[in-house]
Amino acid sequence: MLSVSLLVGGCGPGTSQSSTPPPAGPTVSGSVLAGGSTQAGTVGMSRSVPVSLKIPAIDAQSSLVALGLNADQTVQLPPVSTPMQAAWFDGSPTPGQVGPAVILGHVDGDKQEGIFFRLHELKVGDQVLVTRQDGSTATFTVTGKQEIAKDQFPSDEVYGDTPDPELRLITCGGSFDSAAHSYVDNVIIFAKLS
């Protein structure tokens, strides 16, 4: 059984300057190939705001809310009081566009499991489906996973330009720091458009 102290902390991509996303670069637009796949380094899907997320391997499903930056230029998070709500960082490309789309969710909060409670269980080859406002679904395949201390958050790997449509899923991990009311690590899932 989890102790209450594990379930009250916030979860975000670090607290240091290293967690600040770099300025948005240019995006490449174009048409998607049959089946939603792209040729390496070419085009992705057109811009369309994501509306929901589904990860069958861990039985996770959520609507998506758009969040931006805090005054200190760190990425906003959904409230801990609604831990089952996932959020898309609106400073990133929309899922399916060329570049790294970023979706964040809590591991827990308000004394219950969060939408990304089982995110650490994802394996290479698992799929992540993002439904978009235009009715299309961007299907991503997991290519890697990283757990890293929040003070070493890899901003360039997460937010840096990529030649293809990619996805980053971020939550908390590691041990819980009671004094800071936060976990010490981030779990980051890397995925590419299938």
N, C-alpha and C. Protein backbone atom coordinates (compact mmCIF):
# COMPACT_ATOMS: atom_id res chain seq x y z
N MET A 1 0.85 -1.19 0.00
CA MET A 1 0.00 0.00 0.00
C MET A 1 0.89 1.25 0.00
N LEU A 2 0.54 2.21 -0.82
CA LEU A 2 1.31 3.45 -0.89
C LEU A 2 0.98 4.34 0.29
N SER A 3 1.99 5.00 0.82
CA SER A 3 1.71 5.92 1.92
C SER A 3 1.14 7.21 1.34
N VAL A 4 0.42 7.93 2.17
CA VAL A 4 -0.22 9.17 1.74
C VAL A 4 0.81 10.17 1.23
N SER A 5 2.00 10.20 1.84
CA SER A 5 3.01 11.18 1.43
C SER A 5 3.44 10.98 -0.02
N LEU A 6 3.31 9.76 -0.55
CA LEU A 6 3.68 9.51 -1.93
C LEU A 6 2.65 10.06 -2.91
N LEU A 7 1.49 10.42 -2.40
CA LEU A 7 0.39 10.74 -3.29
C LEU A 7 -0.01 12.21 -3.27
N VAL A 8 0.77 13.06 -2.65
CA VAL A 8 0.37 14.46 -2.58
C VAL A 8 1.28 15.39 -3.36
N GLY A 9 2.38 14.89 -3.85
CA GLY A 9 3.35 15.76 -4.52
C GLY A 9 3.03 16.01 -5.97
N GLY A 10 3.52 17.14 -6.45
CA GLY A 10 3.38 17.46 -7.86
C GLY A 10 4.41 16.73 -8.69
N CYS A 11 4.20 16.75 -9.98
CA CYS A 11 5.10 16.03 -10.86
C CYS A 11 5.33 16.84 -12.11
N GLY A 12 6.55 17.16 -12.36
CA GLY A 12 6.84 17.90 -13.57
C GLY A 12 8.24 17.62 -14.07
N PRO A 13 8.56 18.15 -15.24
CA PRO A 13 9.87 17.92 -15.81
C PRO A 13 10.94 18.79 -15.16
N GLY A 14 11.32 18.43 -13.96
CA GLY A 14 12.41 19.11 -13.30
C GLY A 14 12.02 20.46 -12.75
N THR A 15 12.93 21.04 -11.99
CA THR A 15 12.70 22.36 -11.42
C THR A 15 13.85 23.31 -11.73
N SER A 16 14.84 22.81 -12.40
CA SER A 16 16.00 23.65 -12.72
C SER A 16 15.83 24.31 -14.09
N GLN A 17 16.72 25.19 -14.42
CA GLN A 17 16.70 25.85 -15.72
C GLN A 17 16.81 24.83 -16.85
N SER A 18 17.40 23.65 -16.57
CA SER A 18 17.56 22.66 -17.62
C SER A 18 16.24 22.10 -18.09
N SER A 19 15.17 22.32 -17.31
CA SER A 19 13.87 21.80 -17.71
C SER A 19 13.10 22.79 -18.59
N THR A 20 13.67 23.94 -18.82
CA THR A 20 13.01 24.94 -19.64
C THR A 20 13.16 24.58 -21.11
N PRO A 21 12.03 24.50 -21.84
CA PRO A 21 12.14 24.17 -23.25
C PRO A 21 12.82 25.29 -24.03
N PRO A 22 13.59 24.92 -25.05
CA PRO A 22 14.21 25.95 -25.88
C PRO A 22 13.15 26.65 -26.72
N PRO A 23 13.46 27.81 -27.27
CA PRO A 23 12.49 28.49 -28.13
C PRO A 23 12.07 27.57 -29.28
N ALA A 24 10.81 27.67 -29.63
CA ALA A 24 10.29 26.83 -30.71
C ALA A 24 10.97 27.16 -32.02
N GLY A 25 11.38 26.13 -32.73
CA GLY A 25 12.00 26.31 -34.04
C GLY A 25 10.95 26.17 -35.12
N PRO A 26 11.36 26.30 -36.36
CA PRO A 26 10.40 26.16 -37.45
C PRO A 26 9.91 24.72 -37.55
N THR A 27 8.67 24.55 -37.97
CA THR A 27 8.15 23.21 -38.17
C THR A 27 7.98 22.97 -39.66
N VAL A 28 8.07 21.71 -40.03
CA VAL A 28 7.90 21.32 -41.43
C VAL A 28 6.52 20.74 -41.57
N SER A 29 5.76 21.20 -42.52
CA SER A 29 4.43 20.63 -42.71
C SER A 29 4.38 19.87 -44.02
N GLY A 30 3.37 19.07 -44.16
CA GLY A 30 3.22 18.29 -45.38
C GLY A 30 2.12 17.29 -45.22
N SER A 31 1.95 16.43 -46.20
CA SER A 31 0.87 15.46 -46.10
C SER A 31 1.40 14.14 -45.57
N VAL A 32 0.54 13.45 -44.87
CA VAL A 32 0.91 12.16 -44.30
C VAL A 32 0.77 11.08 -45.36
N LEU A 33 1.62 10.09 -45.29
CA LEU A 33 1.55 8.97 -46.22
C LEU A 33 0.46 8.00 -45.79
N ALA A 34 0.12 7.07 -46.63
CA ALA A 34 -0.91 6.08 -46.31
C ALA A 34 -0.59 5.40 -45.00
N GLY A 35 -1.61 5.24 -44.16
CA GLY A 35 -1.43 4.57 -42.88
C GLY A 35 -0.84 5.48 -41.81
N GLY A 36 -0.64 6.74 -42.09
CA GLY A 36 -0.14 7.67 -41.10
C GLY A 36 1.36 7.65 -40.93
N SER A 37 2.08 6.88 -41.74
CA SER A 37 3.53 6.83 -41.58
C SER A 37 4.19 7.89 -42.45
N THR A 38 5.44 8.15 -42.15
CA THR A 38 6.18 9.15 -42.91
C THR A 38 7.50 8.56 -43.36
N GLN A 39 8.09 9.19 -44.35
CA GLN A 39 9.44 8.82 -44.74
C GLN A 39 10.39 9.59 -43.84
N ALA A 40 11.48 8.95 -43.44
CA ALA A 40 12.41 9.57 -42.51
C ALA A 40 12.84 10.95 -42.99
N GLY A 41 12.72 11.91 -42.07
CA GLY A 41 13.21 13.25 -42.36
C GLY A 41 12.40 14.02 -43.36
N THR A 42 11.18 13.61 -43.67
CA THR A 42 10.40 14.33 -44.66
C THR A 42 9.24 15.07 -44.01
N VAL A 43 8.03 14.59 -44.18
CA VAL A 43 6.86 15.34 -43.74
C VAL A 43 6.07 14.58 -42.68
N GLY A 44 5.26 15.31 -41.98
CA GLY A 44 4.38 14.72 -40.98
C GLY A 44 2.95 15.10 -41.30
N MET A 45 2.10 14.90 -40.33
CA MET A 45 0.69 15.26 -40.47
C MET A 45 0.55 16.79 -40.34
N SER A 46 -0.53 17.31 -40.86
CA SER A 46 -0.77 18.75 -40.72
C SER A 46 -1.12 19.07 -39.26
N ARG A 47 -1.04 20.33 -38.91
CA ARG A 47 -1.31 20.75 -37.53
C ARG A 47 -2.77 20.48 -37.16
N SER A 48 -2.97 19.83 -36.03
CA SER A 48 -4.30 19.62 -35.47
C SER A 48 -4.14 19.36 -33.98
N VAL A 49 -4.83 20.13 -33.17
CA VAL A 49 -4.70 20.04 -31.72
C VAL A 49 -5.12 18.65 -31.23
N PRO A 50 -4.33 18.04 -30.33
CA PRO A 50 -4.70 16.73 -29.80
C PRO A 50 -5.84 16.84 -28.80
N VAL A 51 -6.75 15.86 -28.82
CA VAL A 51 -7.89 15.91 -27.91
C VAL A 51 -7.92 14.75 -26.93
N SER A 52 -7.29 13.61 -27.26
CA SER A 52 -7.27 12.50 -26.31
C SER A 52 -6.08 11.60 -26.56
N LEU A 53 -5.78 10.80 -25.56
CA LEU A 53 -4.62 9.92 -25.54
C LEU A 53 -5.07 8.54 -25.08
N LYS A 54 -4.52 7.50 -25.72
CA LYS A 54 -4.81 6.12 -25.31
C LYS A 54 -3.52 5.32 -25.41
N ILE A 55 -3.19 4.59 -24.34
CA ILE A 55 -2.01 3.74 -24.31
C ILE A 55 -2.47 2.35 -23.89
N PRO A 56 -2.80 1.48 -24.86
CA PRO A 56 -3.38 0.17 -24.54
C PRO A 56 -2.51 -0.69 -23.62
N ALA A 57 -1.20 -0.68 -23.77
CA ALA A 57 -0.33 -1.58 -22.99
C ALA A 57 -0.41 -1.34 -21.49
N ILE A 58 -0.77 -0.12 -21.08
CA ILE A 58 -0.87 0.18 -19.65
C ILE A 58 -2.29 0.61 -19.27
N ASP A 59 -3.23 0.40 -20.17
CA ASP A 59 -4.64 0.72 -19.91
C ASP A 59 -4.83 2.17 -19.45
N ALA A 60 -4.17 3.09 -20.15
CA ALA A 60 -4.27 4.51 -19.82
C ALA A 60 -5.05 5.23 -20.91
N GLN A 61 -5.98 6.07 -20.50
CA GLN A 61 -6.78 6.83 -21.46
C GLN A 61 -7.21 8.13 -20.80
N SER A 62 -7.07 9.24 -21.54
CA SER A 62 -7.41 10.55 -21.00
C SER A 62 -7.74 11.51 -22.12
N SER A 63 -8.59 12.48 -21.81
CA SER A 63 -8.71 13.63 -22.70
C SER A 63 -7.41 14.42 -22.51
N LEU A 64 -7.15 15.37 -23.39
CA LEU A 64 -5.95 16.20 -23.28
C LEU A 64 -6.34 17.66 -23.16
N VAL A 65 -5.70 18.35 -22.23
CA VAL A 65 -5.86 19.79 -22.12
C VAL A 65 -4.55 20.42 -22.57
N ALA A 66 -4.63 21.60 -23.15
CA ALA A 66 -3.43 22.31 -23.60
C ALA A 66 -2.92 23.18 -22.46
N LEU A 67 -1.62 23.08 -22.18
CA LEU A 67 -1.00 23.92 -21.16
C LEU A 67 0.25 24.55 -21.75
N GLY A 68 0.62 25.71 -21.23
CA GLY A 68 1.78 26.44 -21.74
C GLY A 68 2.91 26.50 -20.74
N LEU A 69 3.46 27.70 -20.56
CA LEU A 69 4.59 27.91 -19.65
C LEU A 69 4.18 28.72 -18.43
N ASN A 70 4.83 28.42 -17.31
CA ASN A 70 4.69 29.22 -16.10
C ASN A 70 5.50 30.50 -16.26
N ALA A 71 5.35 31.41 -15.31
CA ALA A 71 6.09 32.67 -15.35
C ALA A 71 7.61 32.44 -15.34
N ASP A 72 8.07 31.34 -14.71
CA ASP A 72 9.51 31.05 -14.66
C ASP A 72 9.98 30.26 -15.89
N GLN A 73 9.11 30.14 -16.90
CA GLN A 73 9.42 29.47 -18.17
C GLN A 73 9.52 27.96 -18.07
N THR A 74 9.02 27.36 -16.98
CA THR A 74 8.90 25.91 -16.90
C THR A 74 7.52 25.51 -17.42
N VAL A 75 7.38 24.29 -17.82
CA VAL A 75 6.12 23.81 -18.40
C VAL A 75 5.05 23.67 -17.32
N GLN A 76 3.85 24.18 -17.61
CA GLN A 76 2.73 24.03 -16.69
C GLN A 76 2.31 22.56 -16.62
N LEU A 77 1.63 22.21 -15.53
CA LEU A 77 1.13 20.86 -15.32
C LEU A 77 -0.34 20.90 -14.99
N PRO A 78 -1.06 19.81 -15.29
CA PRO A 78 -2.45 19.76 -14.83
C PRO A 78 -2.47 19.74 -13.30
N PRO A 79 -3.56 20.18 -12.68
CA PRO A 79 -3.60 20.19 -11.21
C PRO A 79 -3.42 18.79 -10.63
N VAL A 80 -2.71 18.70 -9.50
CA VAL A 80 -2.51 17.43 -8.81
C VAL A 80 -3.86 16.88 -8.34
N SER A 81 -4.83 17.77 -8.15
CA SER A 81 -6.16 17.34 -7.69
C SER A 81 -6.92 16.56 -8.76
N THR A 82 -6.44 16.59 -10.01
CA THR A 82 -7.05 15.80 -11.09
C THR A 82 -5.95 14.95 -11.73
N PRO A 83 -5.43 13.95 -11.01
CA PRO A 83 -4.26 13.22 -11.48
C PRO A 83 -4.49 12.34 -12.71
N MET A 84 -5.74 12.10 -13.07
CA MET A 84 -6.02 11.29 -14.25
C MET A 84 -6.10 12.12 -15.53
N GLN A 85 -5.86 13.43 -15.42
CA GLN A 85 -5.90 14.32 -16.58
C GLN A 85 -4.50 14.48 -17.18
N ALA A 86 -4.35 14.15 -18.44
CA ALA A 86 -3.09 14.37 -19.16
C ALA A 86 -3.15 15.71 -19.89
N ALA A 87 -1.97 16.24 -20.21
CA ALA A 87 -1.91 17.55 -20.85
C ALA A 87 -0.88 17.55 -21.98
N TRP A 88 -1.20 18.29 -23.03
CA TRP A 88 -0.27 18.51 -24.14
C TRP A 88 0.37 19.87 -23.93
N PHE A 89 1.71 19.94 -24.06
CA PHE A 89 2.42 21.20 -23.98
C PHE A 89 2.25 21.93 -25.30
N ASP A 90 1.51 23.04 -25.27
CA ASP A 90 1.15 23.73 -26.51
C ASP A 90 2.30 24.52 -27.13
N GLY A 91 3.46 24.48 -26.51
CA GLY A 91 4.65 25.06 -27.11
C GLY A 91 5.40 24.06 -27.97
N SER A 92 4.90 22.84 -28.01
CA SER A 92 5.49 21.79 -28.85
C SER A 92 4.62 21.58 -30.07
N PRO A 93 5.13 20.87 -31.08
CA PRO A 93 4.29 20.56 -32.24
C PRO A 93 3.05 19.76 -31.81
N THR A 94 2.02 19.79 -32.62
CA THR A 94 0.89 18.91 -32.33
C THR A 94 1.32 17.49 -32.70
N PRO A 95 0.83 16.47 -31.98
CA PRO A 95 1.22 15.09 -32.28
C PRO A 95 0.94 14.74 -33.74
N GLY A 96 1.99 14.26 -34.42
CA GLY A 96 1.90 13.93 -35.84
C GLY A 96 2.66 14.92 -36.71
N GLN A 97 2.83 16.15 -36.22
CA GLN A 97 3.66 17.12 -36.94
C GLN A 97 5.12 16.74 -36.76
N VAL A 98 5.97 17.21 -37.67
CA VAL A 98 7.40 17.01 -37.52
C VAL A 98 7.86 17.70 -36.24
N GLY A 99 8.68 17.01 -35.46
CA GLY A 99 9.19 17.54 -34.21
C GLY A 99 8.66 16.74 -33.03
N PRO A 100 9.10 17.10 -31.82
CA PRO A 100 8.71 16.35 -30.63
C PRO A 100 7.47 16.93 -29.94
N ALA A 101 6.33 16.29 -30.10
CA ALA A 101 5.14 16.66 -29.33
C ALA A 101 5.35 16.17 -27.90
N VAL A 102 4.91 16.96 -26.92
CA VAL A 102 5.14 16.62 -25.51
C VAL A 102 3.82 16.51 -24.77
N ILE A 103 3.62 15.36 -24.12
CA ILE A 103 2.43 15.13 -23.30
C ILE A 103 2.89 14.77 -21.89
N LEU A 104 2.28 15.43 -20.90
CA LEU A 104 2.66 15.24 -19.51
C LEU A 104 1.47 14.69 -18.71
N GLY A 105 1.78 13.94 -17.66
CA GLY A 105 0.74 13.44 -16.77
C GLY A 105 1.33 13.10 -15.43
N HIS A 106 0.49 13.05 -14.42
CA HIS A 106 0.93 12.73 -13.07
C HIS A 106 1.06 11.23 -12.87
N VAL A 107 2.01 10.86 -12.01
CA VAL A 107 2.14 9.47 -11.61
C VAL A 107 1.11 9.18 -10.52
N ASP A 108 0.80 10.16 -9.69
CA ASP A 108 -0.24 10.07 -8.68
C ASP A 108 -0.58 11.47 -8.19
N GLY A 109 -1.59 11.55 -7.37
CA GLY A 109 -1.99 12.83 -6.81
C GLY A 109 -3.33 12.71 -6.12
N ASP A 110 -3.60 13.56 -5.16
CA ASP A 110 -4.86 13.57 -4.43
C ASP A 110 -5.18 12.17 -3.87
N LYS A 111 -4.14 11.49 -3.40
CA LYS A 111 -4.25 10.17 -2.76
C LYS A 111 -4.78 9.09 -3.69
N GLN A 112 -4.46 9.20 -4.99
CA GLN A 112 -4.85 8.17 -5.94
C GLN A 112 -3.84 8.08 -7.09
N GLU A 113 -3.89 6.98 -7.82
CA GLU A 113 -3.01 6.80 -8.97
C GLU A 113 -3.31 7.86 -10.03
N GLY A 114 -2.26 8.24 -10.77
CA GLY A 114 -2.41 9.20 -11.85
C GLY A 114 -2.46 8.51 -13.20
N ILE A 115 -2.71 9.28 -14.24
CA ILE A 115 -2.84 8.76 -15.60
C ILE A 115 -1.57 8.03 -16.05
N PHE A 116 -0.40 8.47 -15.58
CA PHE A 116 0.86 7.84 -15.97
C PHE A 116 1.48 7.01 -14.85
N PHE A 117 0.64 6.46 -13.97
CA PHE A 117 1.11 5.63 -12.86
C PHE A 117 1.93 4.44 -13.36
N ARG A 118 1.54 3.89 -14.51
CA ARG A 118 2.22 2.71 -15.05
C ARG A 118 3.12 3.04 -16.26
N LEU A 119 3.40 4.31 -16.48
CA LEU A 119 4.18 4.72 -17.66
C LEU A 119 5.52 4.00 -17.72
N HIS A 120 6.14 3.79 -16.57
CA HIS A 120 7.46 3.13 -16.52
C HIS A 120 7.43 1.70 -17.06
N GLU A 121 6.23 1.11 -17.20
CA GLU A 121 6.10 -0.26 -17.70
C GLU A 121 6.16 -0.35 -19.23
N LEU A 122 6.05 0.77 -19.93
CA LEU A 122 6.06 0.72 -21.39
C LEU A 122 7.37 0.16 -21.91
N LYS A 123 7.27 -0.58 -23.00
CA LYS A 123 8.43 -1.21 -23.62
C LYS A 123 8.54 -0.76 -25.08
N VAL A 124 9.73 -0.89 -25.64
CA VAL A 124 9.94 -0.60 -27.06
C VAL A 124 8.95 -1.44 -27.87
N GLY A 125 8.26 -0.79 -28.80
CA GLY A 125 7.27 -1.46 -29.64
C GLY A 125 5.84 -1.22 -29.21
N ASP A 126 5.61 -0.78 -27.94
CA ASP A 126 4.25 -0.47 -27.50
C ASP A 126 3.73 0.74 -28.26
N GLN A 127 2.42 0.83 -28.39
CA GLN A 127 1.82 1.92 -29.15
C GLN A 127 1.14 2.95 -28.26
N VAL A 128 1.16 4.19 -28.74
CA VAL A 128 0.49 5.32 -28.10
C VAL A 128 -0.37 5.97 -29.18
N LEU A 129 -1.67 6.09 -28.92
CA LEU A 129 -2.59 6.66 -29.91
C LEU A 129 -3.08 8.02 -29.44
N VAL A 130 -2.94 9.02 -30.29
CA VAL A 130 -3.38 10.37 -29.97
C VAL A 130 -4.45 10.77 -30.99
N THR A 131 -5.67 10.98 -30.51
CA THR A 131 -6.75 11.45 -31.37
C THR A 131 -6.65 12.96 -31.48
N ARG A 132 -6.82 13.45 -32.70
CA ARG A 132 -6.64 14.87 -32.98
C ARG A 132 -7.98 15.53 -33.32
N GLN A 133 -8.01 16.85 -33.20
CA GLN A 133 -9.24 17.62 -33.42
C GLN A 133 -9.82 17.40 -34.82
N ASP A 134 -8.97 17.11 -35.81
CA ASP A 134 -9.46 16.91 -37.17
C ASP A 134 -10.04 15.51 -37.38
N GLY A 135 -10.10 14.70 -36.33
CA GLY A 135 -10.68 13.35 -36.41
C GLY A 135 -9.68 12.26 -36.71
N SER A 136 -8.45 12.63 -37.04
CA SER A 136 -7.43 11.63 -37.33
C SER A 136 -6.79 11.13 -36.03
N THR A 137 -6.11 10.00 -36.12
CA THR A 137 -5.37 9.45 -34.98
C THR A 137 -3.91 9.33 -35.38
N ALA A 138 -3.04 9.90 -34.57
CA ALA A 138 -1.60 9.76 -34.75
C ALA A 138 -1.17 8.58 -33.88
N THR A 139 -0.65 7.53 -34.52
CA THR A 139 -0.20 6.34 -33.80
C THR A 139 1.31 6.35 -33.71
N PHE A 140 1.81 6.29 -32.48
CA PHE A 140 3.24 6.32 -32.22
C PHE A 140 3.70 4.97 -31.67
N THR A 141 4.94 4.61 -31.97
CA THR A 141 5.55 3.40 -31.45
C THR A 141 6.70 3.79 -30.53
N VAL A 142 6.69 3.22 -29.32
CA VAL A 142 7.72 3.52 -28.33
C VAL A 142 9.08 3.05 -28.83
N THR A 143 10.06 3.95 -28.77
CA THR A 143 11.43 3.63 -29.21
C THR A 143 12.43 3.61 -28.06
N GLY A 144 12.05 4.17 -26.91
CA GLY A 144 12.98 4.20 -25.79
C GLY A 144 12.35 4.77 -24.54
N LYS A 145 13.07 4.59 -23.43
CA LYS A 145 12.60 5.06 -22.13
C LYS A 145 13.80 5.52 -21.32
N GLN A 146 13.61 6.56 -20.53
CA GLN A 146 14.70 7.06 -19.70
C GLN A 146 14.14 7.49 -18.36
N GLU A 147 14.81 7.11 -17.27
CA GLU A 147 14.51 7.68 -15.95
C GLU A 147 15.74 8.45 -15.53
N ILE A 148 15.53 9.72 -15.19
CA ILE A 148 16.67 10.60 -14.93
C ILE A 148 16.30 11.58 -13.82
N ALA A 149 17.31 11.97 -13.04
CA ALA A 149 17.10 12.95 -11.97
C ALA A 149 16.56 14.25 -12.56
N LYS A 150 15.60 14.84 -11.85
CA LYS A 150 15.00 16.08 -12.36
C LYS A 150 16.02 17.19 -12.57
N ASP A 151 17.06 17.22 -11.73
CA ASP A 151 18.07 18.28 -11.90
C ASP A 151 19.01 18.02 -13.08
N GLN A 152 18.82 16.87 -13.75
CA GLN A 152 19.59 16.56 -14.96
C GLN A 152 18.65 16.39 -16.16
N PHE A 153 17.47 17.00 -16.10
CA PHE A 153 16.47 16.83 -17.14
C PHE A 153 17.06 17.14 -18.52
N PRO A 154 16.93 16.21 -19.49
CA PRO A 154 17.56 16.37 -20.80
C PRO A 154 16.72 17.22 -21.77
N SER A 155 16.71 18.51 -21.56
CA SER A 155 15.86 19.41 -22.34
C SER A 155 16.07 19.27 -23.85
N ASP A 156 17.32 19.17 -24.28
CA ASP A 156 17.58 19.06 -25.72
C ASP A 156 16.99 17.78 -26.31
N GLU A 157 17.10 16.67 -25.58
CA GLU A 157 16.54 15.40 -26.07
C GLU A 157 15.02 15.42 -26.10
N VAL A 158 14.42 16.13 -25.16
CA VAL A 158 12.96 16.17 -25.06
C VAL A 158 12.36 17.19 -26.01
N TYR A 159 12.88 18.41 -25.99
CA TYR A 159 12.28 19.51 -26.74
C TYR A 159 12.98 19.86 -28.04
N GLY A 160 14.19 19.35 -28.25
CA GLY A 160 14.98 19.72 -29.43
C GLY A 160 14.36 19.23 -30.72
N ASP A 161 14.65 19.94 -31.80
CA ASP A 161 14.11 19.60 -33.13
C ASP A 161 14.46 18.17 -33.51
N THR A 162 13.53 17.52 -34.19
CA THR A 162 13.75 16.18 -34.75
C THR A 162 13.32 16.22 -36.21
N PRO A 163 13.90 15.37 -37.07
CA PRO A 163 13.54 15.38 -38.48
C PRO A 163 12.22 14.68 -38.78
N ASP A 164 11.68 13.97 -37.80
CA ASP A 164 10.45 13.20 -37.98
C ASP A 164 9.44 13.56 -36.90
N PRO A 165 8.18 13.16 -37.07
CA PRO A 165 7.19 13.33 -36.02
C PRO A 165 7.49 12.39 -34.86
N GLU A 166 7.67 12.94 -33.68
CA GLU A 166 7.97 12.15 -32.50
C GLU A 166 7.08 12.58 -31.34
N LEU A 167 7.11 11.78 -30.28
CA LEU A 167 6.29 12.04 -29.10
C LEU A 167 7.13 11.81 -27.87
N ARG A 168 6.92 12.65 -26.86
CA ARG A 168 7.54 12.48 -25.55
C ARG A 168 6.41 12.42 -24.52
N LEU A 169 6.44 11.40 -23.67
CA LEU A 169 5.51 11.29 -22.55
C LEU A 169 6.34 11.45 -21.28
N ILE A 170 5.90 12.33 -20.38
CA ILE A 170 6.71 12.64 -19.20
C ILE A 170 5.87 12.53 -17.94
N THR A 171 6.46 11.89 -16.92
CA THR A 171 5.86 11.85 -15.59
C THR A 171 6.98 11.80 -14.56
N CYS A 172 6.61 11.65 -13.30
CA CYS A 172 7.59 11.55 -12.23
C CYS A 172 7.98 10.11 -11.98
N GLY A 173 9.12 9.93 -11.33
CA GLY A 173 9.58 8.60 -10.96
C GLY A 173 10.60 8.70 -9.86
N GLY A 174 11.16 7.55 -9.51
CA GLY A 174 12.16 7.51 -8.45
C GLY A 174 11.53 7.64 -7.08
N SER A 175 12.34 7.99 -6.11
CA SER A 175 11.84 8.11 -4.73
C SER A 175 11.13 9.44 -4.54
N PHE A 176 10.35 9.50 -3.46
CA PHE A 176 9.59 10.71 -3.15
C PHE A 176 10.34 11.52 -2.11
N ASP A 177 10.56 12.80 -2.39
CA ASP A 177 11.22 13.72 -1.47
C ASP A 177 10.13 14.42 -0.66
N SER A 178 9.97 14.00 0.60
CA SER A 178 8.90 14.54 1.44
C SER A 178 9.05 16.03 1.67
N ALA A 179 10.28 16.50 1.82
CA ALA A 179 10.50 17.93 2.08
C ALA A 179 10.09 18.78 0.88
N ALA A 180 10.38 18.29 -0.32
CA ALA A 180 10.05 19.04 -1.54
C ALA A 180 8.66 18.71 -2.06
N HIS A 181 8.00 17.70 -1.47
CA HIS A 181 6.68 17.24 -1.93
C HIS A 181 6.71 16.89 -3.41
N SER A 182 7.76 16.19 -3.83
CA SER A 182 7.92 15.86 -5.24
C SER A 182 8.81 14.63 -5.37
N TYR A 183 8.69 13.96 -6.51
CA TYR A 183 9.58 12.85 -6.81
C TYR A 183 10.91 13.40 -7.31
N VAL A 184 11.97 12.61 -7.16
CA VAL A 184 13.30 13.10 -7.51
C VAL A 184 13.65 12.92 -8.98
N ASP A 185 12.95 12.02 -9.67
CA ASP A 185 13.27 11.71 -11.07
C ASP A 185 12.10 12.03 -12.00
N ASN A 186 12.39 11.99 -13.28
CA ASN A 186 11.37 11.99 -14.33
C ASN A 186 11.50 10.70 -15.12
N VAL A 187 10.37 10.16 -15.54
CA VAL A 187 10.33 9.06 -16.49
C VAL A 187 9.92 9.66 -17.82
N ILE A 188 10.70 9.41 -18.85
CA ILE A 188 10.44 9.97 -20.18
C ILE A 188 10.34 8.83 -21.17
N ILE A 189 9.25 8.79 -21.92
CA ILE A 189 9.06 7.82 -22.99
C ILE A 189 9.27 8.53 -24.31
N PHE A 190 10.06 7.92 -25.19
CA PHE A 190 10.33 8.44 -26.52
C PHE A 190 9.60 7.56 -27.54
N ALA A 191 8.91 8.17 -28.49
CA ALA A 191 8.16 7.40 -29.49
C ALA A 191 8.21 8.12 -30.84
N LYS A 192 8.03 7.35 -31.92
CA LYS A 192 7.99 7.90 -33.28
C LYS A 192 6.68 7.55 -33.94
N LEU A 193 6.23 8.43 -34.84
CA LEU A 193 5.01 8.17 -35.60
C LEU A 193 5.17 6.89 -36.41
N SER A 194 4.18 6.01 -36.30
CA SER A 194 4.22 4.71 -37.00
C SER A 194 3.71 4.86 -38.42
